[in-house]
């Protein structure tokens, strides 16, 4: 697996973990945590996708 694909895989895994944490927080009724997990997860996902798409120009 090349580094570019590994980065995208890692970003996807981190985003999914944050999504699971948000679902658990919804079940507990902690909506502040939900907002934080969705916000940070969205930033991580956006950064990872942008890095993947612009890999050649960054490296």
Protein backbone atom coordinates (compact mmCIF):
# COMPACT_ATOMS: atom_id res chain seq x y z
CA UNK A 1 0.00 0.00 0.00
CA UNK A 2 1.44 3.33 -0.96
CA UNK A 3 1.63 6.15 1.57
CA UNK A 4 -1.14 8.14 -0.10
CA UNK A 5 -3.65 5.32 0.35
CA UNK A 6 -2.44 4.66 3.90
CA UNK A 7 -3.11 8.29 4.82
CA UNK A 8 -6.64 8.12 3.40
CA UNK A 9 -7.28 4.85 5.26
CA UNK A 10 -6.05 6.34 8.54
CA UNK A 11 -8.20 9.45 8.08
CA UNK A 12 -11.23 7.25 7.35
CA UNK A 13 -10.63 5.15 10.46
CA UNK A 14 -10.24 8.23 12.69
CA UNK A 15 -13.40 9.75 11.23
CA UNK A 16 -15.36 6.54 11.82
CA UNK A 17 -14.15 6.34 15.43
CA UNK A 18 -15.30 9.91 16.00
CA UNK A 19 -18.65 9.07 14.41
CA UNK A 20 -19.08 6.12 16.77
CA UNK A 21 -18.22 8.35 19.72
CA UNK A 22 -20.86 10.84 18.54
CA UNK A 23 -23.49 8.08 18.30
CA UNK A 24 -22.65 6.93 21.84
CA UNK A 25 -22.90 10.53 23.05
CA UNK A 26 -26.35 10.87 21.44
CA UNK A 27 -27.45 7.74 23.29
CA UNK A 28 -26.25 9.34 26.54
CA UNK A 29 -27.89 12.67 25.72
CA UNK A 30 -24.61 14.61 25.74
CA UNK A 31 -25.15 16.90 22.77
CA UNK A 32 -22.08 19.04 23.45
CA UNK A 33 -19.89 16.01 22.85
CA UNK A 34 -21.86 15.19 19.69
CA UNK A 35 -21.20 18.64 18.27
CA UNK A 36 -17.52 18.44 19.15
CA UNK A 37 -17.08 14.98 17.61
CA UNK A 38 -18.92 15.94 14.42
CA UNK A 39 -17.00 19.21 14.10
CA UNK A 40 -13.55 17.76 14.66
CA UNK A 41 -14.37 14.66 12.60
CA UNK A 42 -15.47 16.87 9.71
CA UNK A 43 -12.25 18.88 9.88
CA UNK A 44 -10.11 15.71 9.97
CA UNK A 45 -12.03 14.23 7.04
CA UNK A 46 -11.81 17.42 4.97
CA UNK A 47 -8.08 17.75 5.64
CA UNK A 48 -7.44 14.10 4.80
CA UNK A 49 -9.40 14.21 1.55
CA UNK A 50 -7.68 17.44 0.51
CA UNK A 51 -4.30 15.90 1.31
CA UNK A 52 -5.16 12.80 -0.70
CA UNK A 53 -6.31 14.82 -3.71
CA UNK A 54 -3.30 17.16 -3.67
CA UNK A 55 -0.69 14.56 -2.73
CA UNK A 56 1.57 15.21 -5.72
CA UNK A 57 1.71 18.98 -5.27
CA UNK A 58 2.34 18.72 -1.50
CA UNK A 59 5.09 16.09 -1.65
